[in-house]
Amino acid sequence: MSMHADEISLAGADEKVQRQEIQLACFKVGLELYALDIMKIKEIIRPQKLTAIPKAPSFIEGVINLRGAVIPVADMRKRFDQPISKENRKNRIVVCSLAGKIIGLLVDEVTEVKRFSRQEIAPAPQFIKGPNADYFLGVARRDDDLIMLIDLEKVLSTDEKIELQKLSHE
């Protein structure tokens, strides 16, 4: 009977190993590849008409109306200090849940959704220091490309989350 119990616990361990996979939505901001856990993403949409908001935080491009919900949109190029480019047909808004609020992240292109094992994701490089270092959970490798895994909760500082909350109450 104890041998049977060991077999069950081993089967349970195998199931846990299989669940160690993570699905990441990969996207480009500038020339670089980034990724978010798909469990954080509500949907991916084409850019819509943005309405500018006076006195909005600098990282908010404006708001969109998505099926009756007003959603602030942050430009990831500004967030990552990339040069601002003209809109192109590949631009997308990644609609996510952040700090209990819905926010859109404007990216240059969503490239794919790909599965990675936890072993394929390395910690963020130690040489990334400063306030921007917190944005990244780790690095995943795809062929010759490195994909920076974004920590959505840290993309906005606490003060910016408070600003976002004020924005959604107005």
N, C-alpha and C. Protein backbone atom coordinates (compact mmCIF):
# COMPACT_ATOMS: atom_id res chain seq x y z
N MET A 1 0.82 -1.19 0.00
CA MET A 1 0.00 0.00 0.00
C MET A 1 0.87 1.26 0.00
N SER A 2 1.97 1.23 0.78
CA SER A 2 2.83 2.41 0.82
C SER A 2 3.49 2.64 -0.54
N MET A 3 3.79 1.58 -1.27
CA MET A 3 4.38 1.73 -2.59
C MET A 3 3.39 2.43 -3.53
N HIS A 4 2.13 2.08 -3.40
CA HIS A 4 1.10 2.73 -4.20
C HIS A 4 1.05 4.22 -3.88
N ALA A 5 1.16 4.56 -2.61
CA ALA A 5 1.14 5.96 -2.20
C ALA A 5 2.34 6.71 -2.79
N ASP A 6 3.53 6.05 -2.83
CA ASP A 6 4.70 6.68 -3.43
C ASP A 6 4.47 6.96 -4.90
N GLU A 7 3.84 6.01 -5.59
CA GLU A 7 3.57 6.21 -7.01
C GLU A 7 2.66 7.40 -7.22
N ILE A 8 1.68 7.55 -6.34
CA ILE A 8 0.76 8.69 -6.47
C ILE A 8 1.51 9.99 -6.26
N SER A 9 2.38 10.04 -5.23
CA SER A 9 3.11 11.28 -4.96
C SER A 9 4.06 11.60 -6.12
N LEU A 10 4.64 10.58 -6.74
CA LEU A 10 5.50 10.82 -7.89
C LEU A 10 4.69 11.35 -9.07
N ALA A 11 3.51 10.79 -9.28
CA ALA A 11 2.65 11.28 -10.35
C ALA A 11 2.29 12.74 -10.08
N GLY A 12 2.01 13.06 -8.83
CA GLY A 12 1.70 14.44 -8.46
C GLY A 12 2.88 15.35 -8.74
N ALA A 13 4.10 14.88 -8.47
CA ALA A 13 5.30 15.68 -8.74
C ALA A 13 5.45 15.93 -10.23
N ASP A 14 5.17 14.90 -11.06
CA ASP A 14 5.25 15.08 -12.51
C ASP A 14 4.26 16.14 -12.98
N GLU A 15 3.05 16.12 -12.42
CA GLU A 15 2.05 17.12 -12.81
C GLU A 15 2.55 18.52 -12.47
N LYS A 16 3.21 18.68 -11.31
CA LYS A 16 3.72 19.99 -10.92
C LYS A 16 4.80 20.44 -11.89
N VAL A 17 5.64 19.51 -12.34
CA VAL A 17 6.69 19.85 -13.30
C VAL A 17 6.05 20.35 -14.59
N GLN A 18 4.99 19.69 -15.04
CA GLN A 18 4.33 20.10 -16.27
C GLN A 18 3.72 21.50 -16.13
N ARG A 19 3.26 21.85 -14.94
CA ARG A 19 2.65 23.16 -14.72
C ARG A 19 3.69 24.27 -14.59
N GLN A 20 4.96 23.91 -14.65
CA GLN A 20 6.02 24.91 -14.53
C GLN A 20 6.18 25.72 -15.82
N GLU A 21 5.35 25.45 -16.81
CA GLU A 21 5.40 26.23 -18.04
C GLU A 21 4.64 27.53 -17.85
N ILE A 22 5.10 28.54 -18.55
CA ILE A 22 4.43 29.84 -18.52
C ILE A 22 4.22 30.28 -19.96
N GLN A 23 3.06 30.83 -20.26
CA GLN A 23 2.80 31.35 -21.60
C GLN A 23 3.02 32.85 -21.57
N LEU A 24 3.84 33.31 -22.49
CA LEU A 24 4.18 34.73 -22.55
C LEU A 24 3.73 35.32 -23.88
N ALA A 25 3.12 36.49 -23.81
CA ALA A 25 2.81 37.26 -25.01
C ALA A 25 4.03 38.13 -25.28
N CYS A 26 4.65 37.91 -26.43
CA CYS A 26 5.87 38.63 -26.79
C CYS A 26 5.49 39.84 -27.66
N PHE A 27 6.15 40.96 -27.38
CA PHE A 27 5.86 42.17 -28.16
C PHE A 27 7.12 43.01 -28.28
N LYS A 28 7.08 43.91 -29.26
CA LYS A 28 8.22 44.79 -29.50
C LYS A 28 7.91 46.21 -29.03
N VAL A 29 8.90 46.81 -28.43
CA VAL A 29 8.90 48.24 -28.14
C VAL A 29 10.23 48.72 -28.69
N GLY A 30 10.17 49.50 -29.77
CA GLY A 30 11.41 49.82 -30.48
C GLY A 30 11.90 48.55 -31.15
N LEU A 31 13.19 48.29 -31.03
CA LEU A 31 13.76 47.08 -31.63
C LEU A 31 13.82 45.92 -30.65
N GLU A 32 13.50 46.18 -29.39
CA GLU A 32 13.65 45.17 -28.35
C GLU A 32 12.40 44.33 -28.18
N LEU A 33 12.61 43.08 -27.74
CA LEU A 33 11.50 42.17 -27.46
C LEU A 33 11.22 42.13 -25.96
N TYR A 34 9.96 42.21 -25.61
CA TYR A 34 9.52 42.13 -24.22
C TYR A 34 8.41 41.10 -24.15
N ALA A 35 8.05 40.69 -22.93
CA ALA A 35 6.98 39.71 -22.79
C ALA A 35 6.24 39.93 -21.48
N LEU A 36 4.97 39.55 -21.50
CA LEU A 36 4.11 39.57 -20.32
C LEU A 36 3.45 38.21 -20.19
N ASP A 37 3.24 37.78 -18.97
CA ASP A 37 2.50 36.56 -18.71
C ASP A 37 1.08 36.76 -19.24
N ILE A 38 0.60 35.83 -20.06
CA ILE A 38 -0.74 36.02 -20.65
C ILE A 38 -1.84 36.05 -19.60
N MET A 39 -1.56 35.54 -18.41
CA MET A 39 -2.57 35.57 -17.35
C MET A 39 -2.84 37.00 -16.87
N LYS A 40 -1.93 37.93 -17.16
CA LYS A 40 -2.09 39.34 -16.77
C LYS A 40 -2.82 40.14 -17.84
N ILE A 41 -2.99 39.53 -19.04
CA ILE A 41 -3.56 40.25 -20.18
C ILE A 41 -5.03 39.91 -20.33
N LYS A 42 -5.84 40.95 -20.49
CA LYS A 42 -7.28 40.75 -20.73
C LYS A 42 -7.54 40.55 -22.22
N GLU A 43 -6.93 41.41 -23.05
CA GLU A 43 -7.09 41.29 -24.49
C GLU A 43 -6.06 42.16 -25.19
N ILE A 44 -5.92 41.95 -26.49
CA ILE A 44 -5.01 42.75 -27.32
C ILE A 44 -5.86 43.32 -28.45
N ILE A 45 -5.82 44.65 -28.58
CA ILE A 45 -6.68 45.32 -29.56
C ILE A 45 -5.85 46.24 -30.45
N ARG A 46 -6.45 46.62 -31.58
CA ARG A 46 -5.83 47.62 -32.45
C ARG A 46 -6.00 48.99 -31.78
N PRO A 47 -5.05 49.89 -32.03
CA PRO A 47 -5.18 51.23 -31.44
C PRO A 47 -6.47 51.91 -31.87
N GLN A 48 -7.05 52.61 -30.94
CA GLN A 48 -8.27 53.36 -31.20
C GLN A 48 -7.98 54.84 -31.00
N LYS A 49 -8.98 55.64 -31.29
CA LYS A 49 -8.82 57.09 -31.11
C LYS A 49 -8.58 57.36 -29.63
N LEU A 50 -7.44 58.00 -29.35
CA LEU A 50 -7.09 58.37 -27.98
C LEU A 50 -7.63 59.76 -27.68
N THR A 51 -8.21 59.92 -26.52
CA THR A 51 -8.65 61.23 -26.07
C THR A 51 -7.66 61.70 -25.02
N ALA A 52 -7.00 62.83 -25.30
CA ALA A 52 -6.02 63.37 -24.36
C ALA A 52 -6.73 63.85 -23.10
N ILE A 53 -6.04 63.75 -21.98
CA ILE A 53 -6.60 64.19 -20.71
C ILE A 53 -5.71 65.29 -20.15
N PRO A 54 -6.29 66.48 -19.93
CA PRO A 54 -5.49 67.56 -19.35
C PRO A 54 -4.97 67.15 -17.97
N LYS A 55 -3.73 67.51 -17.69
CA LYS A 55 -3.07 67.26 -16.40
C LYS A 55 -2.93 65.77 -16.08
N ALA A 56 -3.01 64.93 -17.09
CA ALA A 56 -2.79 63.49 -16.86
C ALA A 56 -1.30 63.27 -16.63
N PRO A 57 -0.94 62.21 -15.93
CA PRO A 57 0.48 61.90 -15.75
C PRO A 57 1.17 61.76 -17.12
N SER A 58 2.45 62.08 -17.19
CA SER A 58 3.16 62.10 -18.48
C SER A 58 3.18 60.74 -19.18
N PHE A 59 3.09 59.65 -18.41
CA PHE A 59 3.16 58.33 -19.03
C PHE A 59 1.84 57.91 -19.66
N ILE A 60 0.76 58.65 -19.43
CA ILE A 60 -0.55 58.33 -20.01
C ILE A 60 -0.72 59.11 -21.31
N GLU A 61 -0.88 58.37 -22.40
CA GLU A 61 -1.09 58.98 -23.72
C GLU A 61 -2.48 59.59 -23.82
N GLY A 62 -3.43 58.98 -23.16
CA GLY A 62 -4.82 59.40 -23.21
C GLY A 62 -5.69 58.24 -22.77
N VAL A 63 -6.97 58.33 -23.08
CA VAL A 63 -7.90 57.25 -22.74
C VAL A 63 -8.63 56.79 -23.98
N ILE A 64 -9.08 55.54 -23.93
CA ILE A 64 -9.91 54.99 -25.01
C ILE A 64 -11.23 54.52 -24.39
N ASN A 65 -12.22 54.40 -25.24
CA ASN A 65 -13.50 53.86 -24.82
C ASN A 65 -13.58 52.44 -25.37
N LEU A 66 -13.51 51.47 -24.47
CA LEU A 66 -13.56 50.07 -24.88
C LEU A 66 -14.85 49.45 -24.35
N ARG A 67 -15.82 49.30 -25.24
CA ARG A 67 -17.13 48.74 -24.88
C ARG A 67 -17.72 49.42 -23.64
N GLY A 68 -17.64 50.74 -23.62
CA GLY A 68 -18.25 51.51 -22.54
C GLY A 68 -17.34 51.77 -21.35
N ALA A 69 -16.19 51.12 -21.30
CA ALA A 69 -15.23 51.36 -20.21
C ALA A 69 -14.16 52.33 -20.68
N VAL A 70 -13.87 53.34 -19.88
CA VAL A 70 -12.83 54.30 -20.20
C VAL A 70 -11.52 53.77 -19.62
N ILE A 71 -10.54 53.54 -20.51
CA ILE A 71 -9.29 52.90 -20.12
C ILE A 71 -8.11 53.82 -20.44
N PRO A 72 -7.29 54.13 -19.43
CA PRO A 72 -6.08 54.90 -19.72
C PRO A 72 -5.07 54.07 -20.50
N VAL A 73 -4.32 54.72 -21.39
CA VAL A 73 -3.34 54.02 -22.22
C VAL A 73 -1.96 54.63 -21.97
N ALA A 74 -1.01 53.77 -21.60
CA ALA A 74 0.38 54.18 -21.38
C ALA A 74 1.21 53.77 -22.59
N ASP A 75 2.04 54.68 -23.07
CA ASP A 75 2.93 54.39 -24.20
C ASP A 75 4.20 53.76 -23.65
N MET A 76 4.45 52.51 -24.01
CA MET A 76 5.61 51.79 -23.49
C MET A 76 6.93 52.35 -24.03
N ARG A 77 6.88 53.04 -25.18
CA ARG A 77 8.10 53.68 -25.68
C ARG A 77 8.55 54.76 -24.69
N LYS A 78 7.60 55.54 -24.20
CA LYS A 78 7.94 56.58 -23.22
C LYS A 78 8.42 55.93 -21.92
N ARG A 79 7.75 54.86 -21.53
CA ARG A 79 8.10 54.19 -20.29
C ARG A 79 9.53 53.66 -20.32
N PHE A 80 9.96 53.14 -21.48
CA PHE A 80 11.29 52.56 -21.62
C PHE A 80 12.29 53.50 -22.28
N ASP A 81 11.95 54.80 -22.32
CA ASP A 81 12.85 55.82 -22.88
C ASP A 81 13.30 55.49 -24.30
N GLN A 82 12.37 55.01 -25.12
CA GLN A 82 12.65 54.73 -26.53
C GLN A 82 12.21 55.95 -27.34
N PRO A 83 12.83 56.16 -28.51
CA PRO A 83 12.37 57.27 -29.35
C PRO A 83 10.92 57.03 -29.79
N ILE A 84 10.14 58.08 -29.80
CA ILE A 84 8.73 57.98 -30.18
C ILE A 84 8.66 57.93 -31.70
N SER A 85 7.94 56.95 -32.23
CA SER A 85 7.81 56.83 -33.68
C SER A 85 6.36 57.04 -34.08
N LYS A 86 6.18 57.21 -35.36
CA LYS A 86 4.82 57.35 -35.88
C LYS A 86 4.09 56.03 -35.69
N GLU A 87 2.78 56.13 -35.60
CA GLU A 87 1.98 54.90 -35.49
C GLU A 87 2.15 54.08 -36.76
N ASN A 88 2.15 52.78 -36.60
CA ASN A 88 2.16 51.92 -37.78
C ASN A 88 1.04 50.90 -37.64
N ARG A 89 0.85 50.14 -38.69
CA ARG A 89 -0.28 49.20 -38.71
C ARG A 89 -0.11 48.06 -37.73
N LYS A 90 1.11 47.85 -37.23
CA LYS A 90 1.35 46.73 -36.31
C LYS A 90 1.17 47.13 -34.84
N ASN A 91 1.03 48.44 -34.57
CA ASN A 91 0.83 48.88 -33.18
C ASN A 91 -0.37 48.17 -32.57
N ARG A 92 -0.27 47.87 -31.29
CA ARG A 92 -1.38 47.24 -30.56
C ARG A 92 -1.47 47.83 -29.16
N ILE A 93 -2.64 47.72 -28.60
CA ILE A 93 -2.84 48.07 -27.19
C ILE A 93 -3.08 46.77 -26.45
N VAL A 94 -2.20 46.49 -25.49
CA VAL A 94 -2.32 45.31 -24.65
C VAL A 94 -3.10 45.74 -23.41
N VAL A 95 -4.33 45.23 -23.29
CA VAL A 95 -5.20 45.61 -22.17
C VAL A 95 -4.92 44.67 -21.01
N CYS A 96 -4.50 45.26 -19.87
CA CYS A 96 -4.07 44.46 -18.71
C CYS A 96 -4.77 44.94 -17.45
N SER A 97 -4.71 44.10 -16.46
CA SER A 97 -5.17 44.47 -15.13
C SER A 97 -3.94 44.81 -14.30
N LEU A 98 -3.91 46.02 -13.75
CA LEU A 98 -2.75 46.48 -12.98
C LEU A 98 -3.25 47.19 -11.73
N ALA A 99 -2.84 46.69 -10.59
CA ALA A 99 -3.19 47.29 -9.30
C ALA A 99 -4.72 47.45 -9.18
N GLY A 100 -5.45 46.45 -9.65
CA GLY A 100 -6.91 46.48 -9.54
C GLY A 100 -7.60 47.35 -10.57
N LYS A 101 -6.85 47.96 -11.46
CA LYS A 101 -7.41 48.82 -12.51
C LYS A 101 -7.07 48.23 -13.87
N ILE A 102 -7.85 48.62 -14.87
CA ILE A 102 -7.57 48.20 -16.24
C ILE A 102 -6.76 49.30 -16.91
N ILE A 103 -5.68 48.91 -17.58
CA ILE A 103 -4.84 49.88 -18.28
C ILE A 103 -4.44 49.28 -19.62
N GLY A 104 -4.27 50.14 -20.61
CA GLY A 104 -3.79 49.70 -21.92
C GLY A 104 -2.32 50.07 -22.07
N LEU A 105 -1.55 49.15 -22.61
CA LEU A 105 -0.13 49.41 -22.88
C LEU A 105 0.06 49.47 -24.39
N LEU A 106 0.46 50.63 -24.89
CA LEU A 106 0.68 50.79 -26.32
C LEU A 106 2.05 50.25 -26.68
N VAL A 107 2.08 49.23 -27.55
CA VAL A 107 3.33 48.60 -27.98
C VAL A 107 3.43 48.69 -29.50
N ASP A 108 4.64 48.48 -30.01
CA ASP A 108 4.85 48.60 -31.46
C ASP A 108 4.29 47.42 -32.24
N GLU A 109 4.38 46.22 -31.66
CA GLU A 109 3.93 45.03 -32.38
C GLU A 109 3.84 43.88 -31.39
N VAL A 110 2.76 43.11 -31.46
CA VAL A 110 2.68 41.86 -30.70
C VAL A 110 3.13 40.77 -31.67
N THR A 111 4.18 40.03 -31.28
CA THR A 111 4.78 39.09 -32.22
C THR A 111 4.22 37.68 -32.10
N GLU A 112 4.04 37.19 -30.86
CA GLU A 112 3.58 35.81 -30.70
C GLU A 112 3.26 35.54 -29.23
N VAL A 113 2.58 34.42 -29.02
CA VAL A 113 2.42 33.87 -27.67
C VAL A 113 3.21 32.58 -27.66
N LYS A 114 4.11 32.47 -26.71
CA LYS A 114 5.01 31.32 -26.69
C LYS A 114 5.10 30.74 -25.29
N ARG A 115 5.23 29.42 -25.24
CA ARG A 115 5.41 28.72 -23.95
C ARG A 115 6.88 28.65 -23.60
N PHE A 116 7.17 28.92 -22.34
CA PHE A 116 8.52 28.78 -21.81
C PHE A 116 8.45 27.96 -20.54
N SER A 117 9.44 27.11 -20.33
CA SER A 117 9.52 26.42 -19.04
C SER A 117 10.18 27.40 -18.07
N ARG A 118 9.94 27.21 -16.80
CA ARG A 118 10.55 28.09 -15.79
C ARG A 118 12.08 28.04 -15.89
N GLN A 119 12.62 26.89 -16.33
CA GLN A 119 14.07 26.77 -16.45
C GLN A 119 14.62 27.63 -17.60
N GLU A 120 13.78 27.94 -18.59
CA GLU A 120 14.24 28.74 -19.73
C GLU A 120 14.28 30.23 -19.41
N ILE A 121 13.76 30.60 -18.24
CA ILE A 121 13.73 32.01 -17.85
C ILE A 121 14.80 32.24 -16.79
N ALA A 122 15.76 33.09 -17.14
CA ALA A 122 16.84 33.41 -16.21
C ALA A 122 16.47 34.68 -15.45
N PRO A 123 17.03 34.88 -14.27
CA PRO A 123 16.76 36.13 -13.53
C PRO A 123 17.25 37.33 -14.34
N ALA A 124 16.71 38.51 -14.05
CA ALA A 124 17.15 39.72 -14.73
C ALA A 124 18.64 39.92 -14.47
N PRO A 125 19.38 40.40 -15.48
CA PRO A 125 20.83 40.59 -15.30
C PRO A 125 21.14 41.52 -14.13
N GLN A 126 22.20 41.20 -13.40
CA GLN A 126 22.59 41.97 -12.22
C GLN A 126 23.04 43.38 -12.57
N PHE A 127 23.54 43.58 -13.79
CA PHE A 127 24.07 44.90 -14.14
C PHE A 127 22.96 45.93 -14.39
N ILE A 128 21.71 45.49 -14.47
CA ILE A 128 20.61 46.44 -14.62
C ILE A 128 20.32 46.99 -13.23
N LYS A 129 20.64 48.26 -13.03
CA LYS A 129 20.46 48.90 -11.73
C LYS A 129 19.55 50.11 -11.88
N GLY A 130 19.14 50.64 -10.76
CA GLY A 130 18.34 51.86 -10.77
C GLY A 130 16.87 51.56 -10.78
N PRO A 131 16.05 52.62 -10.86
CA PRO A 131 14.59 52.45 -10.76
C PRO A 131 14.00 51.60 -11.88
N ASN A 132 14.62 51.62 -13.06
CA ASN A 132 14.10 50.85 -14.19
C ASN A 132 14.38 49.36 -14.08
N ALA A 133 15.31 48.98 -13.21
CA ALA A 133 15.67 47.56 -13.07
C ALA A 133 14.50 46.75 -12.53
N ASP A 134 13.66 47.38 -11.74
CA ASP A 134 12.53 46.67 -11.14
C ASP A 134 11.48 46.24 -12.16
N TYR A 135 11.50 46.82 -13.34
CA TYR A 135 10.50 46.49 -14.37
C TYR A 135 10.58 45.04 -14.79
N PHE A 136 11.75 44.44 -14.65
CA PHE A 136 11.99 43.15 -15.28
C PHE A 136 12.07 42.01 -14.28
N LEU A 137 11.31 40.94 -14.57
CA LEU A 137 11.34 39.73 -13.76
C LEU A 137 12.48 38.82 -14.17
N GLY A 138 12.79 38.82 -15.46
CA GLY A 138 13.82 37.93 -15.95
C GLY A 138 13.99 38.05 -17.44
N VAL A 139 14.76 37.10 -17.98
CA VAL A 139 15.06 37.09 -19.41
C VAL A 139 14.78 35.69 -19.95
N ALA A 140 14.06 35.64 -21.06
CA ALA A 140 13.81 34.36 -21.74
C ALA A 140 14.56 34.39 -23.07
N ARG A 141 15.00 33.22 -23.52
CA ARG A 141 15.74 33.14 -24.78
C ARG A 141 14.86 32.49 -25.83
N ARG A 142 14.80 33.10 -27.01
CA ARG A 142 14.10 32.52 -28.16
C ARG A 142 15.06 32.57 -29.34
N ASP A 143 15.54 31.42 -29.74
CA ASP A 143 16.57 31.34 -30.78
C ASP A 143 17.75 32.22 -30.37
N ASP A 144 18.06 33.24 -31.18
CA ASP A 144 19.16 34.14 -30.84
C ASP A 144 18.70 35.39 -30.10
N ASP A 145 17.38 35.54 -29.91
CA ASP A 145 16.85 36.74 -29.27
C ASP A 145 16.70 36.55 -27.77
N LEU A 146 16.89 37.63 -27.05
CA LEU A 146 16.59 37.65 -25.62
C LEU A 146 15.31 38.46 -25.42
N ILE A 147 14.43 37.95 -24.61
CA ILE A 147 13.14 38.60 -24.37
C ILE A 147 13.08 38.98 -22.91
N MET A 148 12.89 40.27 -22.65
CA MET A 148 12.81 40.76 -21.27
C MET A 148 11.39 40.54 -20.75
N LEU A 149 11.27 39.81 -19.66
CA LEU A 149 9.98 39.53 -19.04
C LEU A 149 9.63 40.67 -18.10
N ILE A 150 8.51 41.34 -18.37
CA ILE A 150 8.12 42.54 -17.63
C ILE A 150 7.33 42.17 -16.38
N ASP A 151 7.66 42.84 -15.29
CA ASP A 151 6.87 42.75 -14.06
C ASP A 151 5.86 43.88 -14.12
N LEU A 152 4.65 43.55 -14.51
CA LEU A 152 3.61 44.55 -14.74
C LEU A 152 3.36 45.41 -13.51
N GLU A 153 3.41 44.81 -12.33
CA GLU A 153 3.14 45.55 -11.10
C GLU A 153 4.18 46.64 -10.85
N LYS A 154 5.37 46.49 -11.43
CA LYS A 154 6.43 47.47 -11.17
C LYS A 154 6.68 48.42 -12.34
N VAL A 155 5.91 48.25 -13.42
CA VAL A 155 6.06 49.16 -14.55
C VAL A 155 5.67 50.58 -14.13
N LEU A 156 4.70 50.67 -13.24
CA LEU A 156 4.31 51.97 -12.68
C LEU A 156 4.79 52.04 -11.24
N SER A 157 5.32 53.20 -10.85
CA SER A 157 5.73 53.40 -9.47
C SER A 157 4.47 53.56 -8.61
N THR A 158 4.65 53.54 -7.32
CA THR A 158 3.51 53.71 -6.39
C THR A 158 2.82 55.04 -6.65
N ASP A 159 3.61 56.11 -6.83
CA ASP A 159 3.02 57.42 -7.10
C ASP A 159 2.22 57.42 -8.39
N GLU A 160 2.74 56.74 -9.40
CA GLU A 160 2.03 56.67 -10.68
C GLU A 160 0.74 55.87 -10.56
N LYS A 161 0.75 54.81 -9.75
CA LYS A 161 -0.47 54.04 -9.52
C LYS A 161 -1.53 54.90 -8.84
N ILE A 162 -1.08 55.75 -7.91
CA ILE A 162 -2.01 56.67 -7.24
C ILE A 162 -2.58 57.65 -8.25
N GLU A 163 -1.71 58.18 -9.14
CA GLU A 163 -2.17 59.08 -10.20
C GLU A 163 -3.19 58.38 -11.10
N LEU A 164 -2.92 57.13 -11.43
CA LEU A 164 -3.81 56.34 -12.27
C LEU A 164 -5.16 56.16 -11.58
N GLN A 165 -5.11 55.91 -10.29
CA GLN A 165 -6.35 55.73 -9.53
C GLN A 165 -7.18 57.02 -9.53
N LYS A 166 -6.50 58.15 -9.34
CA LYS A 166 -7.19 59.46 -9.37
C LYS A 166 -7.82 59.67 -10.74
N LEU A 167 -7.08 59.30 -11.79
CA LEU A 167 -7.55 59.47 -13.15
C LEU A 167 -8.82 58.67 -13.40
N SER A 168 -8.87 57.44 -12.89
CA SER A 168 -10.04 56.61 -13.14
C SER A 168 -11.23 57.02 -12.28
N HIS A 169 -10.99 57.81 -11.21
CA HIS A 169 -12.11 58.29 -10.39
C HIS A 169 -12.74 59.55 -10.96
N GLU A 170 -11.95 60.29 -11.77
CA GLU A 170 -12.48 61.57 -12.30
C GLU A 170 -13.46 61.35 -13.41
